[in-house]
Structures are given as structure tokens and as C-alpha cells.
Amino acid sequence: MFGASWQTAHRRFTYWTEARVWAKLHRIILDELGAAGELDWSRCAIDSVSLRAVKGGR
């Protein structure tokens, strides 16, 4: 077997998500690319999804 069990991987992924590791990593990468002049913001896209809450949900 290679690597961690699925339980360990899930636990770590959940912890890292709650600790905002992915957002911080994304920011670091964008900062480094920006400093190197490697970002082309003319090709940037922002997406969001809105869903209706069913059964009285918020």
C-alpha cells in the first residue's frame, strides 16, 4: 500500500480546509506569479453559484 489510508487523507484534507491552507497556498502562488509578471488578468474569470434553499433552509 502506498501513502495514507483514506481516513487519514480525509481527516487531513478536512483539517487543512478548515485551516484555510488551500486559500493561503492559492494566495502565495498568485503573489509569486504576479511578482514574476506571469499573470494575465485579461484571461481571468470569476464564477459563483446560487441555489434556492428548499424546505425553509437559509
C-alpha atoms as a PDB file:
ATOM      1  CA  MET A   1       0.000   0.000   0.000  1.00  0.00           C
ATOM      2  CA  PHE A   2       1.226   3.478  -0.863  1.00  0.00           C
ATOM      3  CA  GLY A   3       0.544   6.610   1.167  1.00  0.00           C
ATOM      4  CA  ALA A   4      -2.025   7.236   3.864  1.00  0.00           C
ATOM      5  CA  SER A   5      -5.346   5.489   4.394  1.00  0.00           C
ATOM      6  CA  TRP A   6      -8.454   7.195   3.026  1.00  0.00           C
ATOM      7  CA  GLN A   7      -9.463   8.060   6.591  1.00  0.00           C
ATOM      8  CA  THR A   8      -6.164   9.829   7.231  1.00  0.00           C
ATOM      9  CA  ALA A   9      -6.318  11.606   3.880  1.00  0.00           C
ATOM     10  CA  HIS A  10      -9.893  12.749   4.565  1.00  0.00           C
ATOM     11  CA  ARG A  11      -9.050  13.917   8.085  1.00  0.00           C
ATOM     12  CA  ARG A  12      -6.042  15.902   6.861  1.00  0.00           C
ATOM     13  CA  PHE A  13      -7.968  17.378   3.931  1.00  0.00           C
ATOM     14  CA  THR A  14     -10.751  18.457   6.309  1.00  0.00           C
ATOM     15  CA  TYR A  15      -8.271  19.964   8.773  1.00  0.00           C
ATOM     16  CA  TRP A  16      -6.371  21.804   6.027  1.00  0.00           C
ATOM     17  CA  THR A  17      -9.628  23.099   4.555  1.00  0.00           C
ATOM     18  CA  GLU A  18     -10.790  24.417   7.947  1.00  0.00           C
ATOM     19  CA  ALA A  19      -7.347  25.993   8.491  1.00  0.00           C
ATOM     20  CA  ARG A  20      -7.692  27.700   5.063  1.00  0.00           C
ATOM     21  CA  VAL A  21      -4.448  26.080   3.847  1.00  0.00           C
ATOM     22  CA  TRP A  22      -5.755  25.920   0.266  1.00  0.00           C
ATOM     23  CA  ALA A  23      -6.710  29.623   0.218  1.00  0.00           C
ATOM     24  CA  LYS A  24      -3.330  30.587   1.671  1.00  0.00           C
ATOM     25  CA  LEU A  25      -1.491  28.418  -0.844  1.00  0.00           C
ATOM     26  CA  HIS A  26      -3.519  29.930  -3.685  1.00  0.00           C
ATOM     27  CA  ARG A  27      -2.650  33.445  -2.490  1.00  0.00           C
ATOM     28  CA  ILE A  28       1.074  32.600  -2.245  1.00  0.00           C
ATOM     29  CA  ILE A  29       1.089  31.209  -5.783  1.00  0.00           C
ATOM     30  CA  LEU A  30      -0.751  34.260  -7.153  1.00  0.00           C
ATOM     31  CA  ASP A  31       1.657  36.604  -5.336  1.00  0.00           C
ATOM     32  CA  GLU A  32       4.694  34.791  -6.738  1.00  0.00           C
ATOM     33  CA  LEU A  33       3.296  34.709 -10.259  1.00  0.00           C
ATOM     34  CA  GLY A  34       2.345  38.386 -10.006  1.00  0.00           C
ATOM     35  CA  ALA A  35       5.813  39.364  -8.801  1.00  0.00           C
ATOM     36  CA  ALA A  36       7.321  37.490 -11.754  1.00  0.00           C
ATOM     37  CA  GLY A  37       4.957  39.217 -14.219  1.00  0.00           C
ATOM     38  CA  GLU A  38       3.400  35.884 -15.131  1.00  0.00           C
ATOM     39  CA  LEU A  39      -0.275  36.755 -14.516  1.00  0.00           C
ATOM     40  CA  ASP A  40      -2.584  37.766 -17.359  1.00  0.00           C
ATOM     41  CA  TRP A  41      -5.648  39.208 -15.634  1.00  0.00           C
ATOM     42  CA  SER A  42      -7.333  39.752 -19.028  1.00  0.00           C
ATOM     43  CA  ARG A  43      -7.908  35.992 -19.032  1.00  0.00           C
ATOM     44  CA  CYS A  44      -9.377  35.905 -15.521  1.00  0.00           C
ATOM     45  CA  ALA A  45     -12.851  34.519 -14.836  1.00  0.00           C
ATOM     46  CA  ILE A  46     -14.923  34.680 -11.676  1.00  0.00           C
ATOM     47  CA  ASP A  47     -17.717  32.206 -11.149  1.00  0.00           C
ATOM     48  CA  SER A  48     -20.330  31.790  -8.458  1.00  0.00           C
ATOM     49  CA  VAL A  49     -23.310  29.570  -7.964  1.00  0.00           C
ATOM     50  CA  SER A  50     -26.558  30.425  -6.231  1.00  0.00           C
ATOM     51  CA  LEU A  51     -29.037  27.760  -5.260  1.00  0.00           C
ATOM     52  CA  ARG A  52     -32.527  28.111  -3.854  1.00  0.00           C
ATOM     53  CA  ALA A  53     -32.829  26.742  -0.314  1.00  0.00           C
ATOM     54  CA  VAL A  54     -35.533  24.130  -0.183  1.00  0.00           C
ATOM     55  CA  LYS A  55     -37.730  23.236   2.785  1.00  0.00           C
ATOM     56  CA  GLY A  56     -37.252  26.577   4.516  1.00  0.00           C
ATOM     57  CA  GLY A  57     -33.456  26.445   4.596  1.00  0.00           C
ATOM     58  CA  ARG A  58     -31.398  29.581   4.777  1.00  0.00           C
END
